[in-house]
Amino acid sequence: MSIPHLLVHDKRDNVGVVVVEGLTAGTEMLCVVTEDNSDFSLVVNDDVPIGHKVALADLSDGDTAIKYGQDIGRIVDTVATGSHVHTHNLKTKRW
């Protein structure tokens, strides 16, 4: 059994959370959906620190990022599937 690289909490999520240290670009990640314990593979495009997010689908400027099945902010730049999602391309909708 392999250790997951990425957790997705809800099937509606379009971002997942990195749960390993030292995730490097080009790694084929084991991604686990905690809602139903299903899994899938995804290649990460960037080095991504633990606790940061990765796009599960192509996201465009203005799209809503969904984590835990909830709106966590607005995408402010194009993000390809497998790419790092953080403050450089995700902003709060609060202000």
C-alpha atoms as a PDB file:
ATOM      1  CA  MET A   1       0.000   0.000   0.000  1.00  0.00           C
ATOM      2  CA  SER A   2       1.355   3.405  -0.955  1.00  0.00           C
ATOM      3  CA  ILE A   3       1.230   6.540   1.143  1.00  0.00           C
ATOM      4  CA  PRO A   4      -0.950   9.306  -0.358  1.00  0.00           C
ATOM      5  CA  HIS A   5       0.693  12.490  -1.619  1.00  0.00           C
ATOM      6  CA  LEU A   6      -2.535  14.484  -1.885  1.00  0.00           C
ATOM      7  CA  LEU A   7      -5.834  14.454  -0.011  1.00  0.00           C
ATOM      8  CA  VAL A   8      -9.133  15.556  -1.517  1.00  0.00           C
ATOM      9  CA  HIS A   9     -11.866  15.932   1.084  1.00  0.00           C
ATOM     10  CA  ASP A  10     -15.011  16.135  -1.031  1.00  0.00           C
ATOM     11  CA  LYS A  11     -15.823  14.860  -4.526  1.00  0.00           C
ATOM     12  CA  ARG A  12     -16.833  18.429  -5.504  1.00  0.00           C
ATOM     13  CA  ASP A  13     -13.342  19.790  -4.699  1.00  0.00           C
ATOM     14  CA  ASN A  14     -11.216  21.159  -7.534  1.00  0.00           C
ATOM     15  CA  VAL A  15      -8.090  21.458  -5.361  1.00  0.00           C
ATOM     16  CA  GLY A  16      -6.385  18.928  -3.111  1.00  0.00           C
ATOM     17  CA  VAL A  17      -3.924  19.315  -0.232  1.00  0.00           C
ATOM     18  CA  VAL A  18      -0.325  18.038  -0.317  1.00  0.00           C
ATOM     19  CA  VAL A  19       0.327  15.807   2.705  1.00  0.00           C
ATOM     20  CA  VAL A  20       3.998  14.881   2.193  1.00  0.00           C
ATOM     21  CA  GLU A  21       7.242  16.832   2.554  1.00  0.00           C
ATOM     22  CA  GLY A  22       9.418  17.432  -0.481  1.00  0.00           C
ATOM     23  CA  LEU A  23       6.877  16.917  -3.277  1.00  0.00           C
ATOM     24  CA  THR A  24       8.732  17.671  -6.509  1.00  0.00           C
ATOM     25  CA  ALA A  25       7.574  18.511 -10.016  1.00  0.00           C
ATOM     26  CA  GLY A  26       6.959  15.460 -12.185  1.00  0.00           C
ATOM     27  CA  THR A  27       5.945  13.179  -9.303  1.00  0.00           C
ATOM     28  CA  GLU A  28       2.981  10.934 -10.029  1.00  0.00           C
ATOM     29  CA  MET A  29       0.910  11.483  -6.905  1.00  0.00           C
ATOM     30  CA  LEU A  30      -1.402   9.030  -5.226  1.00  0.00           C
ATOM     31  CA  CYS A  31      -4.490  11.148  -4.481  1.00  0.00           C
ATOM     32  CA  VAL A  32      -7.096   9.920  -1.987  1.00  0.00           C
ATOM     33  CA  VAL A  33     -10.649  11.228  -1.694  1.00  0.00           C
ATOM     34  CA  THR A  34     -11.429  11.031   2.028  1.00  0.00           C
ATOM     35  CA  GLU A  35     -15.202  11.262   1.436  1.00  0.00           C
ATOM     36  CA  ASP A  36     -15.316   7.717   0.048  1.00  0.00           C
ATOM     37  CA  ASN A  37     -11.689   6.485   0.272  1.00  0.00           C
ATOM     38  CA  SER A  38     -11.412   6.325  -3.535  1.00  0.00           C
ATOM     39  CA  ASP A  39      -8.122   7.219  -5.195  1.00  0.00           C
ATOM     40  CA  PHE A  40      -6.643   8.445  -8.452  1.00  0.00           C
ATOM     41  CA  SER A  41      -3.261   9.468  -9.865  1.00  0.00           C
ATOM     42  CA  LEU A  42      -2.163  12.944 -10.911  1.00  0.00           C
ATOM     43  CA  VAL A  43       1.241  14.297 -11.969  1.00  0.00           C
ATOM     44  CA  VAL A  44       2.264  17.458 -10.115  1.00  0.00           C
ATOM     45  CA  ASN A  45       3.711  20.224 -12.309  1.00  0.00           C
ATOM     46  CA  ASP A  46       5.589  22.166  -9.628  1.00  0.00           C
ATOM     47  CA  ASP A  47       7.474  21.628  -6.396  1.00  0.00           C
ATOM     48  CA  VAL A  48       4.703  22.067  -3.804  1.00  0.00           C
ATOM     49  CA  PRO A  49       5.216  22.385  -0.039  1.00  0.00           C
ATOM     50  CA  ILE A  50       3.250  20.289   2.420  1.00  0.00           C
ATOM     51  CA  GLY A  51      -0.101  21.868   3.268  1.00  0.00           C
ATOM     52  CA  HIS A  52      -0.367  23.743  -0.033  1.00  0.00           C
ATOM     53  CA  LYS A  53      -2.934  23.003  -2.724  1.00  0.00           C
ATOM     54  CA  VAL A  54      -2.781  21.456  -6.201  1.00  0.00           C
ATOM     55  CA  ALA A  55      -5.376  22.002  -8.942  1.00  0.00           C
ATOM     56  CA  LEU A  56      -7.372  18.894  -9.828  1.00  0.00           C
ATOM     57  CA  ALA A  57      -8.654  20.473 -13.062  1.00  0.00           C
ATOM     58  CA  ASP A  58      -7.731  23.392 -15.298  1.00  0.00           C
ATOM     59  CA  LEU A  59      -8.853  26.591 -13.547  1.00  0.00           C
ATOM     60  CA  SER A  60      -9.305  30.016 -15.133  1.00  0.00           C
ATOM     61  CA  ASP A  61      -9.220  33.567 -13.845  1.00  0.00           C
ATOM     62  CA  GLY A  62     -12.498  34.130 -11.999  1.00  0.00           C
ATOM     63  CA  ASP A  63     -13.169  30.462 -11.197  1.00  0.00           C
ATOM     64  CA  THR A  64     -14.018  29.473  -7.634  1.00  0.00           C
ATOM     65  CA  ALA A  65     -11.594  27.196  -5.779  1.00  0.00           C
ATOM     66  CA  ILE A  66     -13.458  24.447  -3.905  1.00  0.00           C
ATOM     67  CA  LYS A  67     -11.927  22.652  -0.892  1.00  0.00           C
ATOM     68  CA  TYR A  68     -13.899  20.629   1.714  1.00  0.00           C
ATOM     69  CA  GLY A  69     -16.832  21.122  -0.684  1.00  0.00           C
ATOM     70  CA  GLN A  70     -16.715  24.851   0.141  1.00  0.00           C
ATOM     71  CA  ASP A  71     -15.768  28.045  -1.705  1.00  0.00           C
ATOM     72  CA  ILE A  72     -12.282  29.037  -0.478  1.00  0.00           C
ATOM     73  CA  GLY A  73     -11.609  31.876  -2.906  1.00  0.00           C
ATOM     74  CA  ARG A  74     -11.274  33.129  -6.457  1.00  0.00           C
ATOM     75  CA  ILE A  75      -8.654  32.004  -8.956  1.00  0.00           C
ATOM     76  CA  VAL A  76      -6.831  35.119 -10.281  1.00  0.00           C
ATOM     77  CA  ASP A  77      -4.633  33.513 -12.945  1.00  0.00           C
ATOM     78  CA  THR A  78      -4.831  30.462 -15.197  1.00  0.00           C
ATOM     79  CA  VAL A  79      -3.901  27.276 -13.313  1.00  0.00           C
ATOM     80  CA  ALA A  80      -3.287  24.004 -15.147  1.00  0.00           C
ATOM     81  CA  THR A  81      -4.289  20.631 -13.737  1.00  0.00           C
ATOM     82  CA  GLY A  82      -1.507  19.476 -11.409  1.00  0.00           C
ATOM     83  CA  SER A  83      -0.209  22.986 -10.670  1.00  0.00           C
ATOM     84  CA  HIS A  84       0.416  24.732  -7.346  1.00  0.00           C
ATOM     85  CA  VAL A  85      -2.516  26.780  -6.004  1.00  0.00           C
ATOM     86  CA  HIS A  86      -1.594  29.378  -3.369  1.00  0.00           C
ATOM     87  CA  THR A  87      -1.602  33.135  -2.754  1.00  0.00           C
ATOM     88  CA  HIS A  88      -0.004  33.858  -6.144  1.00  0.00           C
ATOM     89  CA  ASN A  89      -3.084  32.601  -8.005  1.00  0.00           C
ATOM     90  CA  LEU A  90      -5.835  32.367  -5.353  1.00  0.00           C
ATOM     91  CA  LYS A  91      -7.386  35.284  -3.476  1.00  0.00           C
ATOM     92  CA  THR A  92     -10.128  35.596  -0.895  1.00  0.00           C
ATOM     93  CA  LYS A  93     -13.533  36.867  -1.988  1.00  0.00           C
ATOM     94  CA  ARG A  94     -13.925  38.750   1.288  1.00  0.00           C
ATOM     95  CA  TRP A  95     -12.340  41.956  -0.036  1.00  0.00           C
END
